[in-house]
């Protein structure tokens, strides 16, 4: 019997990658529910291919007519509108809920879904940034599995499975440095939005791409790691790693470093979150170490990336 999945935020970059991962596995997974904000054109294509039972469209600003068209086109699908409609989808019993809504809008649906699923695959880091204690308490209360989707946290999750946490000295989150990492401070003055959005290794949404360039996203991931793994902030470090093939590292008390390497493709950590504890064969790219040429690391410049220190401070302040 296939594993049922609801994707909150199916038309964003994570949602699209998730459906690619699901597609790669044949009948192993079935899509029960999909939600989007306003991209009903792409949503229609997803409904056509994956045949969900329930669909929600969050936006009320001009999408209503599009929703009516979708209702007529897919009469067997149950549709909900608005933010309350997304909550209704989140409350439907399903094996796995993938939380992929961008930003603060993802908090309430993710919290709402916890009692109705056996696993949350979490891509919405804002849930932990804004309400980490509350969310983790609810996860424990309902005995729900929480599997991280962010490539860095997915890597740490995998590494820690084979380690005793009492032996862990620190967690090292790697950061690509974003689209502007090789620009001098003087060159940043005239940067265009297009240049800032041209990420060298990852294909992501606009907001997270900009946040990657400022390391704001990495700062949020520090807070996320604190809540996911219970590591103190002093034991979570960030290194810029331009190649983006080491997704994160764990250092143990004896000085050993454990790293997880792989191609920079979000479909892989998503598939791992959906199929855990199994590893699945897939058609995604393979990392060829002989083609890398080298691996490089540097400590982020605090003056260039003030958002990183801001996030550490906010996390410590609670």
C-alpha atoms as a PDB file:
ATOM      1  CA  UNK A   1       0.000   0.000   0.000  1.00  0.00           C
ATOM      2  CA  UNK A   2       1.382   3.399  -0.974  1.00  0.00           C
ATOM      3  CA  UNK A   3       2.308   6.071   1.572  1.00  0.00           C
ATOM      4  CA  UNK A   4      -0.078   9.038   1.480  1.00  0.00           C
ATOM      5  CA  UNK A   5       1.448  12.523   1.367  1.00  0.00           C
ATOM      6  CA  UNK A   6       0.029  16.026   1.636  1.00  0.00           C
ATOM      7  CA  UNK A   7       2.225  18.868   0.390  1.00  0.00           C
ATOM      8  CA  UNK A   8       1.583  22.270   1.930  1.00  0.00           C
ATOM      9  CA  UNK A   9       3.087  24.597  -0.658  1.00  0.00           C
ATOM     10  CA  UNK A  10       3.224  22.353  -3.712  1.00  0.00           C
ATOM     11  CA  UNK A  11       3.921  25.059  -6.311  1.00  0.00           C
ATOM     12  CA  UNK A  12       7.025  26.511  -4.631  1.00  0.00           C
ATOM     13  CA  UNK A  13      10.532  25.238  -5.302  1.00  0.00           C
ATOM     14  CA  UNK A  14      10.399  22.672  -2.473  1.00  0.00           C
ATOM     15  CA  UNK A  15       6.950  21.457  -3.493  1.00  0.00           C
ATOM     16  CA  UNK A  16       8.014  21.039  -7.115  1.00  0.00           C
ATOM     17  CA  UNK A  17      11.131  19.127  -6.023  1.00  0.00           C
ATOM     18  CA  UNK A  18       8.993  16.968  -3.738  1.00  0.00           C
ATOM     19  CA  UNK A  19       6.710  15.975  -6.577  1.00  0.00           C
ATOM     20  CA  UNK A  20       9.769  15.159  -8.671  1.00  0.00           C
ATOM     21  CA  UNK A  21      10.971  12.905  -5.848  1.00  0.00           C
ATOM     22  CA  UNK A  22       7.549  11.249  -5.577  1.00  0.00           C
ATOM     23  CA  UNK A  23       7.383  10.800  -9.346  1.00  0.00           C
ATOM     24  CA  UNK A  24      10.731   9.002  -9.287  1.00  0.00           C
ATOM     25  CA  UNK A  25       9.362   6.294  -6.980  1.00  0.00           C
ATOM     26  CA  UNK A  26       6.471   5.013  -9.060  1.00  0.00           C
ATOM     27  CA  UNK A  27       3.575   3.878  -6.865  1.00  0.00           C
ATOM     28  CA  UNK A  28       5.450   4.002  -3.549  1.00  0.00           C
ATOM     29  CA  UNK A  29       3.789   7.318  -2.628  1.00  0.00           C
ATOM     30  CA  UNK A  30       0.333   8.717  -3.338  1.00  0.00           C
ATOM     31  CA  UNK A  31      -0.450  12.428  -3.222  1.00  0.00           C
ATOM     32  CA  UNK A  32      -3.473  12.999  -0.991  1.00  0.00           C
ATOM     33  CA  UNK A  33      -3.455  16.795  -0.736  1.00  0.00           C
ATOM     34  CA  UNK A  34      -1.882  19.836  -2.385  1.00  0.00           C
ATOM     35  CA  UNK A  35      -1.955  23.509  -1.485  1.00  0.00           C
ATOM     36  CA  UNK A  36      -0.672  26.664  -3.128  1.00  0.00           C
ATOM     37  CA  UNK A  37      -0.849  30.387  -2.567  1.00  0.00           C
ATOM     38  CA  UNK A  38      -1.928  31.660  -5.980  1.00  0.00           C
ATOM     39  CA  UNK A  39      -0.165  29.720  -8.747  1.00  0.00           C
ATOM     40  CA  UNK A  40      -3.283  27.902  -9.868  1.00  0.00           C
ATOM     41  CA  UNK A  41      -1.909  27.276 -13.363  1.00  0.00           C
ATOM     42  CA  UNK A  42       0.883  25.069 -12.030  1.00  0.00           C
ATOM     43  CA  UNK A  43      -1.483  23.634  -9.429  1.00  0.00           C
ATOM     44  CA  UNK A  44      -3.773  22.490 -12.227  1.00  0.00           C
ATOM     45  CA  UNK A  45      -0.902  20.648 -13.887  1.00  0.00           C
ATOM     46  CA  UNK A  46      -0.057  18.970 -10.580  1.00  0.00           C
ATOM     47  CA  UNK A  47      -3.664  17.897 -10.035  1.00  0.00           C
ATOM     48  CA  UNK A  48      -3.753  16.469 -13.557  1.00  0.00           C
ATOM     49  CA  UNK A  49      -0.682  14.327 -12.921  1.00  0.00           C
ATOM     50  CA  UNK A  50      -0.968  13.319  -9.261  1.00  0.00           C
ATOM     51  CA  UNK A  51      -4.762  13.121  -8.698  1.00  0.00           C
ATOM     52  CA  UNK A  52      -5.008  14.466  -5.124  1.00  0.00           C
ATOM     53  CA  UNK A  53      -8.230  14.058  -3.175  1.00  0.00           C
ATOM     54  CA  UNK A  54      -8.059  17.502  -1.537  1.00  0.00           C
ATOM     55  CA  UNK A  55      -6.677  20.840  -2.756  1.00  0.00           C
ATOM     56  CA  UNK A  56      -6.453  24.240  -1.052  1.00  0.00           C
ATOM     57  CA  UNK A  57      -5.681  27.666  -2.539  1.00  0.00           C
ATOM     58  CA  UNK A  58      -4.641  30.163   0.120  1.00  0.00           C
ATOM     59  CA  UNK A  59      -4.896  33.426  -1.797  1.00  0.00           C
ATOM     60  CA  UNK A  60      -8.173  35.318  -2.048  1.00  0.00           C
ATOM     61  CA  UNK A  61      -6.843  38.102  -4.297  1.00  0.00           C
ATOM     62  CA  UNK A  62      -8.122  37.175  -7.712  1.00  0.00           C
ATOM     63  CA  UNK A  63      -7.648  33.427  -7.479  1.00  0.00           C
ATOM     64  CA  UNK A  64     -11.320  32.704  -6.803  1.00  0.00           C
ATOM     65  CA  UNK A  65     -12.239  32.589 -10.488  1.00  0.00           C
ATOM     66  CA  UNK A  66      -9.277  30.309 -11.129  1.00  0.00           C
ATOM     67  CA  UNK A  67     -10.439  28.033  -8.323  1.00  0.00           C
ATOM     68  CA  UNK A  68     -13.874  27.804  -9.904  1.00  0.00           C
ATOM     69  CA  UNK A  69     -12.250  26.770 -13.173  1.00  0.00           C
ATOM     70  CA  UNK A  70     -10.281  24.090 -11.342  1.00  0.00           C
ATOM     71  CA  UNK A  71     -13.451  22.866  -9.629  1.00  0.00           C
ATOM     72  CA  UNK A  72     -15.157  22.440 -12.979  1.00  0.00           C
ATOM     73  CA  UNK A  73     -12.084  20.803 -14.479  1.00  0.00           C
ATOM     74  CA  UNK A  74     -11.599  18.380 -11.566  1.00  0.00           C
ATOM     75  CA  UNK A  75     -15.084  17.668 -10.157  1.00  0.00           C
ATOM     76  CA  UNK A  76     -13.894  14.739  -8.027  1.00  0.00           C
ATOM     77  CA  UNK A  77     -11.381  16.863  -6.107  1.00  0.00           C
ATOM     78  CA  UNK A  78     -12.438  18.562  -2.870  1.00  0.00           C
ATOM     79  CA  UNK A  79     -11.403  22.238  -2.987  1.00  0.00           C
ATOM     80  CA  UNK A  80     -10.905  24.749  -0.176  1.00  0.00           C
ATOM     81  CA  UNK A  81     -10.183  28.472  -0.416  1.00  0.00           C
ATOM     82  CA  UNK A  82      -8.256  30.898   1.756  1.00  0.00           C
ATOM     83  CA  UNK A  83      -6.018  30.429   4.775  1.00  0.00           C
ATOM     84  CA  UNK A  84      -8.758  28.449   6.529  1.00  0.00           C
ATOM     85  CA  UNK A  85      -8.849  26.118   3.545  1.00  0.00           C
ATOM     86  CA  UNK A  86      -5.166  25.313   3.993  1.00  0.00           C
ATOM     87  CA  UNK A  87      -5.871  24.552   7.664  1.00  0.00           C
ATOM     88  CA  UNK A  88      -8.684  22.224   6.606  1.00  0.00           C
ATOM     89  CA  UNK A  89      -6.260  20.335   4.373  1.00  0.00           C
ATOM     90  CA  UNK A  90      -3.714  20.192   7.212  1.00  0.00           C
ATOM     91  CA  UNK A  91      -6.344  18.555   9.434  1.00  0.00           C
ATOM     92  CA  UNK A  92      -6.896  15.622   7.084  1.00  0.00           C
ATOM     93  CA  UNK A  93      -5.454  12.269   8.206  1.00  0.00           C
ATOM     94  CA  UNK A  94      -2.436  11.366   6.106  1.00  0.00           C
ATOM     95  CA  UNK A  95       0.805   9.414   6.537  1.00  0.00           C
ATOM     96  CA  UNK A  96       3.181  12.320   5.848  1.00  0.00           C
ATOM     97  CA  UNK A  97       2.736  16.078   5.711  1.00  0.00           C
ATOM     98  CA  UNK A  98       5.449  17.988   3.875  1.00  0.00           C
ATOM     99  CA  UNK A  99       5.500  21.529   5.252  1.00  0.00           C
ATOM    100  CA  UNK A 100       6.865  23.612   2.371  1.00  0.00           C
ATOM    101  CA  UNK A 101       4.953  26.904   2.645  1.00  0.00           C
ATOM    102  CA  UNK A 102       7.396  29.813   2.598  1.00  0.00           C
ATOM    103  CA  UNK A 103       7.756  32.085   5.610  1.00  0.00           C
ATOM    104  CA  UNK A 104       5.486  32.818   8.556  1.00  0.00           C
ATOM    105  CA  UNK A 105       2.416  31.649   6.626  1.00  0.00           C
ATOM    106  CA  UNK A 106       3.592  28.074   7.138  1.00  0.00           C
ATOM    107  CA  UNK A 107       3.519  28.158  10.936  1.00  0.00           C
ATOM    108  CA  UNK A 108      -0.156  27.613  11.669  1.00  0.00           C
ATOM    109  CA  UNK A 109      -0.798  24.903   9.040  1.00  0.00           C
ATOM    110  CA  UNK A 110       2.263  23.004  10.256  1.00  0.00           C
ATOM    111  CA  UNK A 111       1.132  23.177  13.873  1.00  0.00           C
ATOM    112  CA  UNK A 112      -2.385  22.206  12.817  1.00  0.00           C
ATOM    113  CA  UNK A 113      -1.173  19.108  10.969  1.00  0.00           C
ATOM    114  CA  UNK A 114       0.672  17.496  13.887  1.00  0.00           C
ATOM    115  CA  UNK A 115      -2.237  15.506  15.433  1.00  0.00           C
ATOM    116  CA  UNK A 116      -3.353  14.190  12.036  1.00  0.00           C
ATOM    117  CA  UNK A 117      -0.177  12.618  10.687  1.00  0.00           C
ATOM    118  CA  UNK A 118       2.545  10.217  11.733  1.00  0.00           C
ATOM    119  CA  UNK A 119       5.347  12.288  10.201  1.00  0.00           C
ATOM    120  CA  UNK A 120       6.098  15.932   9.490  1.00  0.00           C
ATOM    121  CA  UNK A 121       8.719  16.465   6.792  1.00  0.00           C
ATOM    122  CA  UNK A 122       9.746  20.003   7.673  1.00  0.00           C
ATOM    123  CA  UNK A 123      11.028  22.458   5.077  1.00  0.00           C
ATOM    124  CA  UNK A 124       9.389  25.518   6.665  1.00  0.00           C
ATOM    125  CA  UNK A 125      12.169  26.595   9.032  1.00  0.00           C
ATOM    126  CA  UNK A 126      10.125  29.574  10.238  1.00  0.00           C
ATOM    127  CA  UNK A 127       7.989  27.162  12.254  1.00  0.00           C
ATOM    128  CA  UNK A 128      10.989  26.460  14.475  1.00  0.00           C
ATOM    129  CA  UNK A 129      12.348  30.014  14.374  1.00  0.00           C
ATOM    130  CA  UNK A 130       9.064  31.536  15.554  1.00  0.00           C
ATOM    131  CA  UNK A 131       7.684  28.773  17.756  1.00  0.00           C
ATOM    132  CA  UNK A 132      10.390  26.157  18.229  1.00  0.00           C
ATOM    133  CA  UNK A 133       9.575  25.304  21.836  1.00  0.00           C
ATOM    134  CA  UNK A 134       5.829  25.157  21.234  1.00  0.00           C
ATOM    135  CA  UNK A 135       6.198  23.100  18.078  1.00  0.00           C
ATOM    136  CA  UNK A 136       8.648  20.593  19.544  1.00  0.00           C
ATOM    137  CA  UNK A 137       6.411  20.148  22.594  1.00  0.00           C
ATOM    138  CA  UNK A 138       3.475  19.393  20.301  1.00  0.00           C
ATOM    139  CA  UNK A 139       5.543  16.938  18.264  1.00  0.00           C
ATOM    140  CA  UNK A 140       6.494  15.065  21.438  1.00  0.00           C
ATOM    141  CA  UNK A 141       2.946  15.203  22.809  1.00  0.00           C
ATOM    142  CA  UNK A 142       1.530  13.435  19.757  1.00  0.00           C
ATOM    143  CA  UNK A 143       4.471  11.095  19.155  1.00  0.00           C
ATOM    144  CA  UNK A 144       4.947  12.359  15.607  1.00  0.00           C
ATOM    145  CA  UNK A 145       8.168  11.831  13.653  1.00  0.00           C
ATOM    146  CA  UNK A 146       9.872  15.080  12.663  1.00  0.00           C
ATOM    147  CA  UNK A 147      12.268  14.716   9.732  1.00  0.00           C
ATOM    148  CA  UNK A 148      14.120  17.805   8.462  1.00  0.00           C
ATOM    149  CA  UNK A 149      14.123  18.604   4.755  1.00  0.00           C
ATOM    150  CA  UNK A 150      16.695  21.409   4.580  1.00  0.00           C
ATOM    151  CA  UNK A 151      19.792  19.812   3.055  1.00  0.00           C
ATOM    152  CA  UNK A 152      21.988  20.881   5.986  1.00  0.00           C
ATOM    153  CA  UNK A 153      19.673  19.538   8.666  1.00  0.00           C
ATOM    154  CA  UNK A 154      18.929  16.413   6.664  1.00  0.00           C
ATOM    155  CA  UNK A 155      22.675  15.781   6.588  1.00  0.00           C
ATOM    156  CA  UNK A 156      23.057  16.330  10.340  1.00  0.00           C
ATOM    157  CA  UNK A 157      20.045  14.107  11.020  1.00  0.00           C
ATOM    158  CA  UNK A 158      21.666  11.306   9.010  1.00  0.00           C
ATOM    159  CA  UNK A 159      25.064  11.764  10.660  1.00  0.00           C
ATOM    160  CA  UNK A 160      23.682  11.820  14.198  1.00  0.00           C
ATOM    161  CA  UNK A 161      21.877   8.524  13.645  1.00  0.00           C
ATOM    162  CA  UNK A 162      25.264   6.822  13.742  1.00  0.00           C
ATOM    163  CA  UNK A 163      26.702   8.805  16.661  1.00  0.00           C
ATOM    164  CA  UNK A 164      26.103   9.081  20.378  1.00  0.00           C
ATOM    165  CA  UNK A 165      24.994  12.685  20.905  1.00  0.00           C
ATOM    166  CA  UNK A 166      27.034  12.877  24.111  1.00  0.00           C
ATOM    167  CA  UNK A 167      30.112  12.473  21.889  1.00  0.00           C
ATOM    168  CA  UNK A 168      29.223  15.470  19.707  1.00  0.00           C
ATOM    169  CA  UNK A 169      31.421  18.532  20.163  1.00  0.00           C
ATOM    170  CA  UNK A 170      29.816  20.788  17.557  1.00  0.00           C
ATOM    171  CA  UNK A 171      27.601  20.936  14.508  1.00  0.00           C
ATOM    172  CA  UNK A 172      28.928  22.715  11.417  1.00  0.00           C
ATOM    173  CA  UNK A 173      26.379  24.116   8.973  1.00  0.00           C
ATOM    174  CA  UNK A 174      27.796  24.779   5.533  1.00  0.00           C
ATOM    175  CA  UNK A 175      26.709  27.792   3.487  1.00  0.00           C
ATOM    176  CA  UNK A 176      27.272  28.383  -0.201  1.00  0.00           C
ATOM    177  CA  UNK A 177      27.790  32.089   0.442  1.00  0.00           C
ATOM    178  CA  UNK A 178      25.126  32.944  -2.097  1.00  0.00           C
ATOM    179  CA  UNK A 179      25.241  34.738  -5.405  1.00  0.00           C
ATOM    180  CA  UNK A 180      27.422  37.633  -4.214  1.00  0.00           C
ATOM    181  CA  UNK A 181      30.019  35.722  -2.217  1.00  0.00           C
ATOM    182  CA  UNK A 182      32.932  36.702  -4.475  1.00  0.00           C
ATOM    183  CA  UNK A 183      32.015  40.382  -4.774  1.00  0.00           C
ATOM    184  CA  UNK A 184      33.946  42.979  -2.805  1.00  0.00           C
ATOM    185  CA  UNK A 185      32.026  45.180  -0.386  1.00  0.00           C
ATOM    186  CA  UNK A 186      32.463  48.090  -2.801  1.00  0.00           C
ATOM    187  CA  UNK A 187      30.960  46.083  -5.678  1.00  0.00           C
ATOM    188  CA  UNK A 188      27.796  45.352  -3.706  1.00  0.00           C
ATOM    189  CA  UNK A 189      26.547  48.938  -4.011  1.00  0.00           C
ATOM    190  CA  UNK A 190      25.275  48.564  -7.572  1.00  0.00           C
ATOM    191  CA  UNK A 191      24.061  44.964  -7.453  1.00  0.00           C
ATOM    192  CA  UNK A 192      20.810  44.357  -9.346  1.00  0.00           C
ATOM    193  CA  UNK A 193      18.005  42.049  -8.187  1.00  0.00           C
ATOM    194  CA  UNK A 194      18.790  39.746 -11.091  1.00  0.00           C
ATOM    195  CA  UNK A 195      22.397  39.386  -9.990  1.00  0.00           C
ATOM    196  CA  UNK A 196      21.377  38.717  -6.395  1.00  0.00           C
ATOM    197  CA  UNK A 197      18.934  36.028  -7.546  1.00  0.00           C
ATOM    198  CA  UNK A 198      21.509  34.198  -9.672  1.00  0.00           C
ATOM    199  CA  UNK A 199      22.506  31.530  -7.167  1.00  0.00           C
ATOM    200  CA  UNK A 200      25.631  29.627  -8.261  1.00  0.00           C
ATOM    201  CA  UNK A 201      24.643  26.148  -7.052  1.00  0.00           C
ATOM    202  CA  UNK A 202      21.045  25.873  -5.798  1.00  0.00           C
ATOM    203  CA  UNK A 203      17.747  26.398  -7.605  1.00  0.00           C
ATOM    204  CA  UNK A 204      15.461  27.995  -5.009  1.00  0.00           C
ATOM    205  CA  UNK A 205      12.672  30.527  -4.574  1.00  0.00           C
ATOM    206  CA  UNK A 206      13.395  34.256  -4.719  1.00  0.00           C
ATOM    207  CA  UNK A 207      13.200  35.017  -0.994  1.00  0.00           C
ATOM    208  CA  UNK A 208      15.460  32.208   0.142  1.00  0.00           C
ATOM    209  CA  UNK A 209      17.947  33.052  -2.634  1.00  0.00           C
ATOM    210  CA  UNK A 210      18.238  36.634  -1.376  1.00  0.00           C
ATOM    211  CA  UNK A 211      18.433  35.410   2.219  1.00  0.00           C
ATOM    212  CA  UNK A 212      21.206  33.061   1.130  1.00  0.00           C
ATOM    213  CA  UNK A 213      23.224  35.995  -0.217  1.00  0.00           C
ATOM    214  CA  UNK A 214      23.007  37.812   3.139  1.00  0.00           C
ATOM    215  CA  UNK A 215      23.364  34.628   5.276  1.00  0.00           C
ATOM    216  CA  UNK A 216      20.035  35.498   6.903  1.00  0.00           C
ATOM    217  CA  UNK A 217      18.815  32.088   5.790  1.00  0.00           C
ATOM    218  CA  UNK A 218      21.829  30.432   7.390  1.00  0.00           C
ATOM    219  CA  UNK A 219      21.138  32.306  10.607  1.00  0.00           C
ATOM    220  CA  UNK A 220      17.592  30.960  10.614  1.00  0.00           C
ATOM    221  CA  UNK A 221      19.027  27.495  10.024  1.00  0.00           C
ATOM    222  CA  UNK A 222      21.196  27.910  13.135  1.00  0.00           C
ATOM    223  CA  UNK A 223      18.026  28.473  15.177  1.00  0.00           C
ATOM    224  CA  UNK A 224      16.394  25.541  13.397  1.00  0.00           C
ATOM    225  CA  UNK A 225      19.336  23.272  14.256  1.00  0.00           C
ATOM    226  CA  UNK A 226      19.177  24.340  17.897  1.00  0.00           C
ATOM    227  CA  UNK A 227      15.557  23.217  18.191  1.00  0.00           C
ATOM    228  CA  UNK A 228      15.845  20.097  16.045  1.00  0.00           C
ATOM    229  CA  UNK A 229      18.914  18.623  17.686  1.00  0.00           C
ATOM    230  CA  UNK A 230      19.014  20.281  21.100  1.00  0.00           C
ATOM    231  CA  UNK A 231      22.486  21.685  20.468  1.00  0.00           C
ATOM    232  CA  UNK A 232      23.479  24.875  22.322  1.00  0.00           C
ATOM    233  CA  UNK A 233      24.195  27.877  20.110  1.00  0.00           C
ATOM    234  CA  UNK A 234      27.867  27.840  21.112  1.00  0.00           C
ATOM    235  CA  UNK A 235      28.107  24.369  19.580  1.00  0.00           C
ATOM    236  CA  UNK A 236      26.670  25.368  16.177  1.00  0.00           C
ATOM    237  CA  UNK A 237      29.115  26.911  13.698  1.00  0.00           C
ATOM    238  CA  UNK A 238      28.785  28.128  10.110  1.00  0.00           C
ATOM    239  CA  UNK A 239      31.367  27.748   7.342  1.00  0.00           C
ATOM    240  CA  UNK A 240      31.121  29.099   3.804  1.00  0.00           C
ATOM    241  CA  UNK A 241      31.654  26.208   1.394  1.00  0.00           C
ATOM    242  CA  UNK A 242      31.272  27.418  -2.219  1.00  0.00           C
ATOM    243  CA  UNK A 243      31.069  23.976  -3.832  1.00  0.00           C
ATOM    244  CA  UNK A 244      27.912  23.086  -1.835  1.00  0.00           C
ATOM    245  CA  UNK A 245      28.659  19.362  -1.904  1.00  0.00           C
ATOM    246  CA  UNK A 246      29.343  18.935   1.824  1.00  0.00           C
ATOM    247  CA  UNK A 247      25.893  19.579   3.212  1.00  0.00           C
ATOM    248  CA  UNK A 248      26.965  19.742   6.842  1.00  0.00           C
ATOM    249  CA  UNK A 249      29.405  18.231   9.319  1.00  0.00           C
ATOM    250  CA  UNK A 250      29.515  16.951  12.870  1.00  0.00           C
ATOM    251  CA  UNK A 251      32.667  17.107  14.984  1.00  0.00           C
ATOM    252  CA  UNK A 252      33.032  14.676  17.890  1.00  0.00           C
ATOM    253  CA  UNK A 253      34.929  15.126  21.138  1.00  0.00           C
ATOM    254  CA  UNK A 254      37.953  13.215  19.808  1.00  0.00           C
ATOM    255  CA  UNK A 255      38.385  15.703  16.952  1.00  0.00           C
ATOM    256  CA  UNK A 256      36.909  13.494  14.224  1.00  0.00           C
ATOM    257  CA  UNK A 257      34.817  15.193  11.543  1.00  0.00           C
ATOM    258  CA  UNK A 258      31.866  13.406   9.970  1.00  0.00           C
ATOM    259  CA  UNK A 259      30.505  14.909   6.761  1.00  0.00           C
ATOM    260  CA  UNK A 260      27.685  14.086   4.368  1.00  0.00           C
ATOM    261  CA  UNK A 261      28.381  14.776   0.699  1.00  0.00           C
ATOM    262  CA  UNK A 262      26.017  14.787  -2.251  1.00  0.00           C
ATOM    263  CA  UNK A 263      24.901  16.725  -5.285  1.00  0.00           C
ATOM    264  CA  UNK A 264      23.101  20.014  -4.528  1.00  0.00           C
ATOM    265  CA  UNK A 265      19.598  18.809  -5.414  1.00  0.00           C
ATOM    266  CA  UNK A 266      16.727  19.274  -2.952  1.00  0.00           C
ATOM    267  CA  UNK A 267      14.895  16.247  -4.334  1.00  0.00           C
ATOM    268  CA  UNK A 268      17.340  13.975  -2.485  1.00  0.00           C
ATOM    269  CA  UNK A 269      16.822  15.227   1.113  1.00  0.00           C
ATOM    270  CA  UNK A 270      13.096  15.429   0.394  1.00  0.00           C
ATOM    271  CA  UNK A 271      13.037  11.800  -0.747  1.00  0.00           C
ATOM    272  CA  UNK A 272      15.042  10.813   2.330  1.00  0.00           C
ATOM    273  CA  UNK A 273      12.492  12.558   4.563  1.00  0.00           C
ATOM    274  CA  UNK A 274       9.603  10.802   2.821  1.00  0.00           C
ATOM    275  CA  UNK A 275      11.177   7.330   2.784  1.00  0.00           C
ATOM    276  CA  UNK A 276      12.979   7.354   6.177  1.00  0.00           C
ATOM    277  CA  UNK A 277      14.403   5.089   7.542  1.00  0.00           C
ATOM    278  CA  UNK A 278      14.933   3.538   4.108  1.00  0.00           C
ATOM    279  CA  UNK A 279      17.214   4.840   1.376  1.00  0.00           C
ATOM    280  CA  UNK A 280      15.683   4.677  -2.093  1.00  0.00           C
ATOM    281  CA  UNK A 281      17.278   4.298  -5.490  1.00  0.00           C
ATOM    282  CA  UNK A 282      16.582   7.373  -7.569  1.00  0.00           C
ATOM    283  CA  UNK A 283      17.444   8.988 -10.914  1.00  0.00           C
ATOM    284  CA  UNK A 284      19.037  12.078  -9.372  1.00  0.00           C
ATOM    285  CA  UNK A 285      22.620  13.055 -10.136  1.00  0.00           C
ATOM    286  CA  UNK A 286      25.592  11.374  -8.515  1.00  0.00           C
ATOM    287  CA  UNK A 287      28.579  13.160  -7.022  1.00  0.00           C
ATOM    288  CA  UNK A 288      31.858  12.408  -8.808  1.00  0.00           C
ATOM    289  CA  UNK A 289      34.664  13.287  -6.420  1.00  0.00           C
ATOM    290  CA  UNK A 290      37.247  13.110  -9.192  1.00  0.00           C
ATOM    291  CA  UNK A 291      35.488  15.989 -10.965  1.00  0.00           C
ATOM    292  CA  UNK A 292      35.400  18.360  -7.990  1.00  0.00           C
ATOM    293  CA  UNK A 293      38.941  19.653  -8.174  1.00  0.00           C
ATOM    294  CA  UNK A 294      38.884  20.789  -4.552  1.00  0.00           C
ATOM    295  CA  UNK A 295      36.806  21.690  -1.520  1.00  0.00           C
ATOM    296  CA  UNK A 296      37.065  25.132   0.021  1.00  0.00           C
ATOM    297  CA  UNK A 297      35.937  26.629   3.326  1.00  0.00           C
ATOM    298  CA  UNK A 298      36.090  30.003   5.003  1.00  0.00           C
ATOM    299  CA  UNK A 299      34.674  31.629   8.097  1.00  0.00           C
ATOM    300  CA  UNK A 300      31.929  34.200   7.364  1.00  0.00           C
ATOM    301  CA  UNK A 301      33.021  37.838   7.750  1.00  0.00           C
ATOM    302  CA  UNK A 302      30.867  39.262  10.551  1.00  0.00           C
ATOM    303  CA  UNK A 303      30.996  42.759   9.028  1.00  0.00           C
ATOM    304  CA  UNK A 304      29.841  41.533   5.641  1.00  0.00           C
ATOM    305  CA  UNK A 305      27.124  39.269   7.055  1.00  0.00           C
ATOM    306  CA  UNK A 306      25.618  41.064  10.084  1.00  0.00           C
ATOM    307  CA  UNK A 307      22.380  39.056   9.746  1.00  0.00           C
ATOM    308  CA  UNK A 308      24.175  35.934  10.959  1.00  0.00           C
ATOM    309  CA  UNK A 309      25.114  37.471  14.320  1.00  0.00           C
ATOM    310  CA  UNK A 310      21.619  38.927  14.572  1.00  0.00           C
ATOM    311  CA  UNK A 311      20.120  35.441  14.311  1.00  0.00           C
ATOM    312  CA  UNK A 312      22.497  34.005  16.893  1.00  0.00           C
ATOM    313  CA  UNK A 313      21.533  36.824  19.244  1.00  0.00           C
ATOM    314  CA  UNK A 314      17.818  36.337  18.640  1.00  0.00           C
ATOM    315  CA  UNK A 315      18.123  32.601  19.192  1.00  0.00           C
ATOM    316  CA  UNK A 316      19.964  33.008  22.472  1.00  0.00           C
ATOM    317  CA  UNK A 317      17.435  35.609  23.630  1.00  0.00           C
ATOM    318  CA  UNK A 318      14.607  33.182  22.929  1.00  0.00           C
END
